Amino acid sequence: MCVSQDVVERFPMSLISEPTSYTSNDPRELYNNIVVFIVRDEPHNPPEMHIFQCARVSAQEVVNEMKMFINGKWKPSPKENGRHLPPPPESSPDPP
């Protein structure tokens, strides 16, 4: 598995809903630290589900921050400096 840490996709938080995490301590689970969310770009596109395996942070922590941001309560701590949720781009990226 190759991990580049390159940004693959960005979504404005205003389009994200239903952030959910799945975690497991079972060593047989290949995908054991998952973030799942829906991107709704209506009326342009149908809703899309996005699934990401977190490698260095807890999926539950990422989901908690996403929910706080959606509810207007998220503020980066000085040590994190916005590590999990980068600022949204000015506009949605063009499709490939």
PDB file of N, CA and C in Angstrom:
ATOM      1  N   MET A   1       0.844  -1.165   0.000  1.00  0.00           N
ATOM      2  CA  MET A   1       0.000   0.000   0.000  1.00  0.00           C
ATOM      3  C   MET A   1       0.897   1.237   0.000  1.00  0.00           C
ATOM      4  N   CYS A   2       0.608   2.176  -0.877  1.00  0.00           N
ATOM      5  CA  CYS A   2       1.379   3.401  -0.984  1.00  0.00           C
ATOM      6  C   CYS A   2       0.554   4.565  -0.447  1.00  0.00           C
ATOM      7  N   VAL A   3       1.106   5.293   0.495  1.00  0.00           N
ATOM      8  CA  VAL A   3       0.430   6.439   1.077  1.00  0.00           C
ATOM      9  C   VAL A   3       1.244   7.676   0.743  1.00  0.00           C
ATOM     10  N   SER A   4       0.636   8.604   0.000  1.00  0.00           N
ATOM     11  CA  SER A   4       1.379   9.772  -0.445  1.00  0.00           C
ATOM     12  C   SER A   4       1.089  11.013   0.385  1.00  0.00           C
ATOM     13  N   GLN A   5       0.006  11.041   1.110  1.00  0.00           N
ATOM     14  CA  GLN A   5      -0.457  12.185   1.883  1.00  0.00           C
ATOM     15  C   GLN A   5      -0.856  13.352   0.989  1.00  0.00           C
ATOM     16  N   ASP A   6      -1.000  13.128  -0.312  1.00  0.00           N
ATOM     17  CA  ASP A   6      -1.485  14.160  -1.217  1.00  0.00           C
ATOM     18  C   ASP A   6      -2.979  14.335  -1.017  1.00  0.00           C
ATOM     19  N   VAL A   7      -3.457  15.559  -1.176  1.00  0.00           N
ATOM     20  CA  VAL A   7      -4.893  15.815  -1.110  1.00  0.00           C
ATOM     21  C   VAL A   7      -5.507  15.252  -2.380  1.00  0.00           C
ATOM     22  N   VAL A   8      -6.452  14.338  -2.223  1.00  0.00           N
ATOM     23  CA  VAL A   8      -7.087  13.703  -3.363  1.00  0.00           C
ATOM     24  C   VAL A   8      -8.379  14.430  -3.724  1.00  0.00           C
ATOM     25  N   GLU A   9      -9.159  14.756  -2.711  1.00  0.00           N
ATOM     26  CA  GLU A   9     -10.420  15.459  -2.927  1.00  0.00           C
ATOM     27  C   GLU A   9     -10.651  16.427  -1.780  1.00  0.00           C
ATOM     28  N   ARG A  10     -11.382  17.501  -2.087  1.00  0.00           N
ATOM     29  CA  ARG A  10     -11.812  18.448  -1.055  1.00  0.00           C
ATOM     30  C   ARG A  10     -13.279  18.735  -1.290  1.00  0.00           C
ATOM     31  N   PHE A  11     -14.003  18.856  -0.191  1.00  0.00           N
ATOM     32  CA  PHE A  11     -15.426  19.159  -0.261  1.00  0.00           C
ATOM     33  C   PHE A  11     -15.742  20.289   0.701  1.00  0.00           C
ATOM     34  N   PRO A  12     -16.520  21.273   0.282  1.00  0.00           N
ATOM     35  CA  PRO A  12     -16.968  22.282   1.250  1.00  0.00           C
ATOM     36  C   PRO A  12     -17.797  21.587   2.327  1.00  0.00           C
ATOM     37  N   MET A  13     -17.552  21.938   3.572  1.00  0.00           N
ATOM     38  CA  MET A  13     -18.275  21.301   4.673  1.00  0.00           C
ATOM     39  C   MET A  13     -19.787  21.512   4.547  1.00  0.00           C
ATOM     40  N   SER A  14     -20.199  22.558   3.856  1.00  0.00           N
ATOM     41  CA  SER A  14     -21.634  22.807   3.684  1.00  0.00           C
ATOM     42  C   SER A  14     -22.312  21.719   2.862  1.00  0.00           C
ATOM     43  N   LEU A  15     -21.546  20.917   2.116  1.00  0.00           N
ATOM     44  CA  LEU A  15     -22.118  19.840   1.301  1.00  0.00           C
ATOM     45  C   LEU A  15     -22.079  18.488   1.999  1.00  0.00           C
ATOM     46  N   ILE A  16     -21.410  18.406   3.146  1.00  0.00           N
ATOM     47  CA  ILE A  16     -21.223  17.126   3.830  1.00  0.00           C
ATOM     48  C   ILE A  16     -22.317  16.903   4.862  1.00  0.00           C
ATOM     49  N   SER A  17     -22.832  15.664   4.875  1.00  0.00           N
ATOM     50  CA  SER A  17     -23.820  15.283   5.884  1.00  0.00           C
ATOM     51  C   SER A  17     -23.549  13.849   6.327  1.00  0.00           C
ATOM     52  N   GLU A  18     -24.142  13.503   7.443  1.00  0.00           N
ATOM     53  CA  GLU A  18     -24.117  12.149   7.986  1.00  0.00           C
ATOM     54  C   GLU A  18     -22.711  11.571   8.190  1.00  0.00           C
ATOM     55  N   PRO A  19     -21.775  12.325   8.766  1.00  0.00           N
ATOM     56  CA  PRO A  19     -20.463  11.726   9.018  1.00  0.00           C
ATOM     57  C   PRO A  19     -20.583  10.596  10.046  1.00  0.00           C
ATOM     58  N   THR A  20     -19.944   9.497   9.740  1.00  0.00           N
ATOM     59  CA  THR A  20     -20.025   8.294  10.577  1.00  0.00           C
ATOM     60  C   THR A  20     -18.654   7.639  10.617  1.00  0.00           C
ATOM     61  N   SER A  21     -18.348   6.985  11.722  1.00  0.00           N
ATOM     62  CA  SER A  21     -17.085   6.258  11.795  1.00  0.00           C
ATOM     63  C   SER A  21     -17.354   4.784  12.059  1.00  0.00           C
ATOM     64  N   TYR A  22     -16.421   3.971  11.629  1.00  0.00           N
ATOM     65  CA  TYR A  22     -16.421   2.552  11.947  1.00  0.00           C
ATOM     66  C   TYR A  22     -15.016   2.222  12.416  1.00  0.00           C
ATOM     67  N   THR A  23     -14.914   1.681  13.596  1.00  0.00           N
ATOM     68  CA  THR A  23     -13.617   1.261  14.116  1.00  0.00           C
ATOM     69  C   THR A  23     -13.717  -0.162  14.640  1.00  0.00           C
ATOM     70  N   SER A  24     -12.599  -0.848  14.586  1.00  0.00           N
ATOM     71  CA  SER A  24     -12.547  -2.219  15.086  1.00  0.00           C
ATOM     72  C   SER A  24     -11.149  -2.505  15.596  1.00  0.00           C
ATOM     73  N   ASN A  25     -11.053  -3.245  16.674  1.00  0.00           N
ATOM     74  CA  ASN A  25      -9.768  -3.688  17.210  1.00  0.00           C
ATOM     75  C   ASN A  25      -9.402  -5.082  16.723  1.00  0.00           C
ATOM     76  N   ASP A  26     -10.249  -5.652  15.881  1.00  0.00           N
ATOM     77  CA  ASP A  26     -10.002  -6.990  15.354  1.00  0.00           C
ATOM     78  C   ASP A  26      -8.839  -6.929  14.354  1.00  0.00           C
ATOM     79  N   PRO A  27      -7.722  -7.607  14.615  1.00  0.00           N
ATOM     80  CA  PRO A  27      -6.567  -7.539  13.713  1.00  0.00           C
ATOM     81  C   PRO A  27      -6.847  -8.128  12.326  1.00  0.00           C
ATOM     82  N   ARG A  28      -7.925  -8.888  12.193  1.00  0.00           N
ATOM     83  CA  ARG A  28      -8.277  -9.458  10.891  1.00  0.00           C
ATOM     84  C   ARG A  28      -8.991  -8.445   9.990  1.00  0.00           C
ATOM     85  N   GLU A  29      -9.459  -7.347  10.577  1.00  0.00           N
ATOM     86  CA  GLU A  29     -10.156  -6.315   9.811  1.00  0.00           C
ATOM     87  C   GLU A  29      -9.140  -5.489   9.042  1.00  0.00           C
ATOM     88  N   LEU A  30      -9.220  -5.502   7.721  1.00  0.00           N
ATOM     89  CA  LEU A  30      -8.316  -4.707   6.898  1.00  0.00           C
ATOM     90  C   LEU A  30      -8.653  -3.225   7.006  1.00  0.00           C
ATOM     91  N   TYR A  31      -9.931  -2.906   6.960  1.00  0.00           N
ATOM     92  CA  TYR A  31     -10.387  -1.519   7.073  1.00  0.00           C
ATOM     93  C   TYR A  31     -11.019  -1.355   8.446  1.00  0.00           C
ATOM     94  N   ASN A  32     -10.237  -0.849   9.394  1.00  0.00           N
ATOM     95  CA  ASN A  32     -10.669  -0.857  10.788  1.00  0.00           C
ATOM     96  C   ASN A  32     -10.770   0.533  11.415  1.00  0.00           C
ATOM     97  N   ASN A  33     -10.616   1.566  10.603  1.00  0.00           N
ATOM     98  CA  ASN A  33     -10.639   2.931  11.131  1.00  0.00           C
ATOM     99  C   ASN A  33     -11.189   3.841  10.027  1.00  0.00           C
ATOM    100  N   ILE A  34     -12.475   3.709   9.751  1.00  0.00           N
ATOM    101  CA  ILE A  34     -13.125   4.264   8.565  1.00  0.00           C
ATOM    102  C   ILE A  34     -13.967   5.489   8.899  1.00  0.00           C
ATOM    103  N   VAL A  35     -13.885   6.497   8.007  1.00  0.00           N
ATOM    104  CA  VAL A  35     -14.793   7.645   8.036  1.00  0.00           C
ATOM    105  C   VAL A  35     -15.669   7.547   6.801  1.00  0.00           C
ATOM    106  N   VAL A  36     -16.976   7.678   7.012  1.00  0.00           N
ATOM    107  CA  VAL A  36     -17.954   7.635   5.923  1.00  0.00           C
ATOM    108  C   VAL A  36     -18.790   8.906   6.011  1.00  0.00           C
ATOM    109  N   PHE A  37     -19.055   9.530   4.871  1.00  0.00           N
ATOM    110  CA  PHE A  37     -19.949  10.686   4.859  1.00  0.00           C
ATOM    111  C   PHE A  37     -20.598  10.822   3.498  1.00  0.00           C
ATOM    112  N   ILE A  38     -21.658  11.609   3.446  1.00  0.00           N
ATOM    113  CA  ILE A  38     -22.409  11.866   2.216  1.00  0.00           C
ATOM    114  C   ILE A  38     -22.090  13.273   1.745  1.00  0.00           C
ATOM    115  N   VAL A  39     -21.870  13.420   0.444  1.00  0.00           N
ATOM    116  CA  VAL A  39     -21.698  14.736  -0.168  1.00  0.00           C
ATOM    117  C   VAL A  39     -22.925  14.981  -1.030  1.00  0.00           C
ATOM    118  N   ARG A  40     -23.640  16.068  -0.719  1.00  0.00           N
ATOM    119  CA  ARG A  40     -24.847  16.436  -1.463  1.00  0.00           C
ATOM    120  C   ARG A  40     -24.575  17.738  -2.209  1.00  0.00           C
ATOM    121  N   ASP A  41     -24.466  17.634  -3.528  1.00  0.00           N
ATOM    122  CA  ASP A  41     -24.220  18.797  -4.368  1.00  0.00           C
ATOM    123  C   ASP A  41     -25.446  19.040  -5.249  1.00  0.00           C
ATOM    124  N   GLU A  42     -26.616  19.020  -4.615  1.00  0.00           N
ATOM    125  CA  GLU A  42     -27.862  19.193  -5.355  1.00  0.00           C
ATOM    126  C   GLU A  42     -27.926  20.594  -5.929  1.00  0.00           C
ATOM    127  N   PRO A  43     -28.555  20.845  -7.021  1.00  0.00           N
ATOM    128  CA  PRO A  43     -29.177  19.889  -7.935  1.00  0.00           C
ATOM    129  C   PRO A  43     -28.224  19.376  -8.993  1.00  0.00           C
ATOM    130  N   HIS A  44     -26.934  19.687  -8.861  1.00  0.00           N
ATOM    131  CA  HIS A  44     -25.976  19.349  -9.903  1.00  0.00           C
ATOM    132  C   HIS A  44     -25.704  17.852 -10.031  1.00  0.00           C
ATOM    133  N   ASN A  45     -25.576  17.179  -8.928  1.00  0.00           N
ATOM    134  CA  ASN A  45     -25.203  15.757  -8.935  1.00  0.00           C
ATOM    135  C   ASN A  45     -26.011  15.008  -7.893  1.00  0.00           C
ATOM    136  N   PRO A  46     -26.171  13.700  -8.084  1.00  0.00           N
ATOM    137  CA  PRO A  46     -26.824  12.913  -7.026  1.00  0.00           C
ATOM    138  C   PRO A  46     -25.895  12.815  -5.817  1.00  0.00           C
ATOM    139  N   PRO A  47     -26.436  12.528  -4.619  1.00  0.00           N
ATOM    140  CA  PRO A  47     -25.584  12.381  -3.430  1.00  0.00           C
ATOM    141  C   PRO A  47     -24.552  11.277  -3.646  1.00  0.00           C
ATOM    142  N   GLU A  48     -23.366  11.475  -3.060  1.00  0.00           N
ATOM    143  CA  GLU A  48     -22.291  10.489  -3.151  1.00  0.00           C
ATOM    144  C   GLU A  48     -21.842  10.101  -1.755  1.00  0.00           C
ATOM    145  N   MET A  49     -21.573   8.820  -1.557  1.00  0.00           N
ATOM    146  CA  MET A  49     -20.997   8.355  -0.300  1.00  0.00           C
ATOM    147  C   MET A  49     -19.484   8.273  -0.487  1.00  0.00           C
ATOM    148  N   HIS A  50     -18.749   8.803   0.479  1.00  0.00           N
ATOM    149  CA  HIS A  50     -17.291   8.740   0.444  1.00  0.00           C
ATOM    150  C   HIS A  50     -16.808   7.974   1.672  1.00  0.00           C
ATOM    151  N   ILE A  51     -15.836   7.105   1.452  1.00  0.00           N
ATOM    152  CA  ILE A  51     -15.301   6.245   2.500  1.00  0.00           C
ATOM    153  C   ILE A  51     -13.789   6.397   2.518  1.00  0.00           C
ATOM    154  N   PHE A  52     -13.238   6.692   3.705  1.00  0.00           N
ATOM    155  CA  PHE A  52     -11.797   6.877   3.856  1.00  0.00           C
ATOM    156  C   PHE A  52     -11.293   6.055   5.029  1.00  0.00           C
ATOM    157  N   GLN A  53     -10.183   5.372   4.818  1.00  0.00           N
ATOM    158  CA  GLN A  53      -9.476   4.674   5.892  1.00  0.00           C
ATOM    159  C   GLN A  53      -8.513   5.666   6.511  1.00  0.00           C
ATOM    160  N   CYS A  54      -8.607   5.916   7.797  1.00  0.00           N
ATOM    161  CA  CYS A  54      -7.689   6.820   8.496  1.00  0.00           C
ATOM    162  C   CYS A  54      -6.462   6.030   8.933  1.00  0.00           C
ATOM    163  N   ALA A  55      -5.299   6.584   8.672  1.00  0.00           N
ATOM    164  CA  ALA A  55      -4.069   5.876   9.012  1.00  0.00           C
ATOM    165  C   ALA A  55      -3.436   6.374  10.304  1.00  0.00           C
ATOM    166  N   ARG A  56      -3.482   7.685  10.555  1.00  0.00           N
ATOM    167  CA  ARG A  56      -2.735   8.230  11.694  1.00  0.00           C
ATOM    168  C   ARG A  56      -3.601   8.874  12.757  1.00  0.00           C
ATOM    169  N   VAL A  57      -4.887   8.958  12.530  1.00  0.00           N
ATOM    170  CA  VAL A  57      -5.792   9.554  13.509  1.00  0.00           C
ATOM    171  C   VAL A  57      -6.999   8.658  13.677  1.00  0.00           C
ATOM    172  N   SER A  58      -7.704   8.845  14.760  1.00  0.00           N
ATOM    173  CA  SER A  58      -8.909   8.086  15.029  1.00  0.00           C
ATOM    174  C   SER A  58     -10.046   8.561  14.129  1.00  0.00           C
ATOM    175  N   ALA A  59     -10.704   7.638  13.456  1.00  0.00           N
ATOM    176  CA  ALA A  59     -11.855   7.982  12.623  1.00  0.00           C
ATOM    177  C   ALA A  59     -12.939   8.632  13.473  1.00  0.00           C
ATOM    178  N   GLN A  60     -13.117   8.156  14.701  1.00  0.00           N
ATOM    179  CA  GLN A  60     -14.128   8.742  15.583  1.00  0.00           C
ATOM    180  C   GLN A  60     -13.791  10.192  15.894  1.00  0.00           C
ATOM    181  N   GLU A  61     -12.514  10.491  16.091  1.00  0.00           N
ATOM    182  CA  GLU A  61     -12.077  11.866  16.354  1.00  0.00           C
ATOM    183  C   GLU A  61     -12.376  12.767  15.148  1.00  0.00           C
ATOM    184  N   VAL A  62     -12.101  12.268  13.957  1.00  0.00           N
ATOM    185  CA  VAL A  62     -12.382  13.035  12.741  1.00  0.00           C
ATOM    186  C   VAL A  62     -13.879  13.301  12.623  1.00  0.00           C
ATOM    187  N   VAL A  63     -14.700  12.276  12.847  1.00  0.00           N
ATOM    188  CA  VAL A  63     -16.153  12.435  12.766  1.00  0.00           C
ATOM    189  C   VAL A  63     -16.651  13.404  13.831  1.00  0.00           C
ATOM    190  N   ASN A  64     -16.107  13.320  15.042  1.00  0.00           N
ATOM    191  CA  ASN A  64     -16.511  14.265  16.090  1.00  0.00           C
ATOM    192  C   ASN A  64     -16.225  15.702  15.662  1.00  0.00           C
ATOM    193  N   GLU A  65     -15.060  15.939  15.064  1.00  0.00           N
ATOM    194  CA  GLU A  65     -14.722  17.283  14.608  1.00  0.00           C
ATOM    195  C   GLU A  65     -15.630  17.718  13.459  1.00  0.00           C
ATOM    196  N   MET A  66     -15.937  16.799  12.561  1.00  0.00           N
ATOM    197  CA  MET A  66     -16.848  17.134  11.452  1.00  0.00           C
ATOM    198  C   MET A  66     -18.216  17.540  11.987  1.00  0.00           C
ATOM    199  N   LYS A  67     -18.725  16.785  12.955  1.00  0.00           N
ATOM    200  CA  LYS A  67     -20.035  17.104  13.528  1.00  0.00           C
ATOM    201  C   LYS A  67     -20.008  18.441  14.259  1.00  0.00           C
ATOM    202  N   MET A  68     -18.908  18.710  14.968  1.00  0.00           N
ATOM    203  CA  MET A  68     -18.780  19.997  15.646  1.00  0.00           C
ATOM    204  C   MET A  68     -18.761  21.134  14.626  1.00  0.00           C
ATOM    205  N   PHE A  69     -18.052  20.953  13.529  1.00  0.00           N
ATOM    206  CA  PHE A  69     -17.983  21.971  12.488  1.00  0.00           C
ATOM    207  C   PHE A  69     -19.364  22.195  11.874  1.00  0.00           C
ATOM    208  N   ILE A  70     -20.054  21.125  11.551  1.00  0.00           N
ATOM    209  CA  ILE A  70     -21.400  21.217  10.968  1.00  0.00           C
ATOM    210  C   ILE A  70     -22.336  21.961  11.912  1.00  0.00           C
ATOM    211  N   ASN A  71     -22.182  21.758  13.214  1.00  0.00           N
ATOM    212  CA  ASN A  71     -23.034  22.415  14.213  1.00  0.00           C
ATOM    213  C   ASN A  71     -22.516  23.792  14.631  1.00  0.00           C
ATOM    214  N   GLY A  72     -21.455  24.278  13.983  1.00  0.00           N
ATOM    215  CA  GLY A  72     -20.923  25.605  14.275  1.00  0.00           C
ATOM    216  C   GLY A  72     -20.137  25.701  15.563  1.00  0.00           C
ATOM    217  N   LYS A  73     -19.651  24.584  16.089  1.00  0.00           N
ATOM    218  CA  LYS A  73     -18.949  24.580  17.376  1.00  0.00           C
ATOM    219  C   LYS A  73     -17.472  24.212  17.272  1.00  0.00           C
ATOM    220  N   TRP A  74     -16.951  23.989  16.075  1.00  0.00           N
ATOM    221  CA  TRP A  74     -15.570  23.529  15.908  1.00  0.00           C
ATOM    222  C   TRP A  74     -14.599  24.688  15.908  1.00  0.00           C
ATOM    223  N   LYS A  75     -13.522  24.534  16.676  1.00  0.00           N
ATOM    224  CA  LYS A  75     -12.408  25.478  16.684  1.00  0.00           C
ATOM    225  C   LYS A  75     -11.140  24.648  16.796  1.00  0.00           C
ATOM    226  N   PRO A  76     -10.152  24.905  15.928  1.00  0.00           N
ATOM    227  CA  PRO A  76      -8.921  24.109  16.019  1.00  0.00           C
ATOM    228  C   PRO A  76      -8.170  24.435  17.297  1.00  0.00           C
ATOM    229  N   SER A  77      -7.603  23.414  17.905  1.00  0.00           N
ATOM    230  CA  SER A  77      -6.751  23.650  19.067  1.00  0.00           C
ATOM    231  C   SER A  77      -5.376  24.070  18.553  1.00  0.00           C
ATOM    232  N   PRO A  78      -4.598  24.786  19.340  1.00  0.00           N
ATOM    233  CA  PRO A  78      -3.272  25.229  18.883  1.00  0.00           C
ATOM    234  C   PRO A  78      -2.373  24.075  18.447  1.00  0.00           C
ATOM    235  N   LYS A  79      -2.442  22.939  19.133  1.00  0.00           N
ATOM    236  CA  LYS A  79      -1.564  21.824  18.765  1.00  0.00           C
ATOM    237  C   LYS A  79      -1.984  21.188  17.447  1.00  0.00           C
ATOM    238  N   GLU A  80      -3.274  21.208  17.117  1.00  0.00           N
ATOM    239  CA  GLU A  80      -3.740  20.603  15.873  1.00  0.00           C
ATOM    240  C   GLU A  80      -3.658  21.573  14.712  1.00  0.00           C
ATOM    241  N   ASN A  81      -3.912  22.846  14.970  1.00  0.00           N
ATOM    242  CA  ASN A  81      -3.842  23.874  13.944  1.00  0.00           C
ATOM    243  C   ASN A  81      -4.640  23.484  12.701  1.00  0.00           C
ATOM    244  N   GLY A  82      -5.846  22.938  12.903  1.00  0.00           N
ATOM    245  CA  GLY A  82      -6.690  22.592  11.762  1.00  0.00           C
ATOM    246  C   GLY A  82      -6.227  21.361  11.009  1.00  0.00           C
ATOM    247  N   ARG A  83      -5.525  20.477  11.677  1.00  0.00           N
ATOM    248  CA  ARG A  83      -4.924  19.306  11.038  1.00  0.00           C
ATOM    249  C   ARG A  83      -5.941  18.444  10.300  1.00  0.00           C
ATOM    250  N   HIS A  84      -7.111  18.219  10.889  1.00  0.00           N
ATOM    251  CA  HIS A  84      -8.064  17.289  10.298  1.00  0.00           C
ATOM    252  C   HIS A  84      -8.940  17.925   9.230  1.00  0.00           C
ATOM    253  N   LEU A  85      -9.326  19.166   9.422  1.00  0.00           N
ATOM    254  CA  LEU A  85     -10.267  19.786   8.511  1.00  0.00           C
ATOM    255  C   LEU A  85      -9.654  21.031   7.881  1.00  0.00           C
ATOM    256  N   PRO A  86      -9.055  20.884   6.697  1.00  0.00           N
ATOM    257  CA  PRO A  86      -8.482  22.056   6.050  1.00  0.00           C
ATOM    258  C   PRO A  86      -9.595  22.993   5.609  1.00  0.00           C
ATOM    259  N   PRO A  87      -9.279  24.268   5.393  1.00  0.00           N
ATOM    260  CA  PRO A  87     -10.325  25.185   4.955  1.00  0.00           C
ATOM    261  C   PRO A  87     -10.866  24.748   3.602  1.00  0.00           C
ATOM    262  N   PRO A  88     -12.155  24.928   3.373  1.00  0.00           N
ATOM    263  CA  PRO A  88     -12.714  24.499   2.091  1.00  0.00           C
ATOM    264  C   PRO A  88     -12.195  25.374   0.960  1.00  0.00           C
ATOM    265  N   PRO A  89     -12.106  24.813  -0.243  1.00  0.00           N
ATOM    266  CA  PRO A  89     -11.676  25.620  -1.379  1.00  0.00           C
ATOM    267  C   PRO A  89     -12.747  26.662  -1.703  1.00  0.00           C
ATOM    268  N   GLU A  90     -12.370  27.646  -2.473  1.00  0.00           N
ATOM    269  CA  GLU A  90     -13.318  28.697  -2.844  1.00  0.00           C
ATOM    270  C   GLU A  90     -14.503  28.124  -3.609  1.00  0.00           C
ATOM    271  N   SER A  91     -14.266  27.115  -4.428  1.00  0.00           N
ATOM    272  CA  SER A  91     -15.348  26.471  -5.166  1.00  0.00           C
ATOM    273  C   SER A  91     -15.058  24.980  -5.231  1.00  0.00           C
ATOM    274  N   SER A  92     -16.057  24.214  -5.629  1.00  0.00           N
ATOM    275  CA  SER A  92     -15.886  22.774  -5.750  1.00  0.00           C
ATOM    276  C   SER A  92     -14.909  22.467  -6.878  1.00  0.00           C
ATOM    277  N   PRO A  93     -14.121  21.399  -6.740  1.00  0.00           N
ATOM    278  CA  PRO A  93     -13.182  21.064  -7.806  1.00  0.00           C
ATOM    279  C   PRO A  93     -13.920  20.616  -9.053  1.00  0.00           C
ATOM    280  N   ASP A  94     -13.292  20.823 -10.199  1.00  0.00           N
ATOM    281  CA  ASP A  94     -13.870  20.356 -11.459  1.00  0.00           C
ATOM    282  C   ASP A  94     -13.784  18.845 -11.498  1.00  0.00           C
ATOM    283  N   PRO A  95     -14.819  18.182 -12.039  1.00  0.00           N
ATOM    284  CA  PRO A  95     -14.755  16.721 -12.124  1.00  0.00           C
ATOM    285  C   PRO A  95     -13.664  16.293 -13.104  1.00  0.00           C
ATOM    286  N   PRO A  96     -13.095  15.104 -12.895  1.00  0.00           N
ATOM    287  CA  PRO A  96     -12.015  14.639 -13.787  1.00  0.00           C
ATOM    288  C   PRO A  96     -12.512  14.390 -15.184  1.00  0.00           C
TER     289      PRO A  96
END
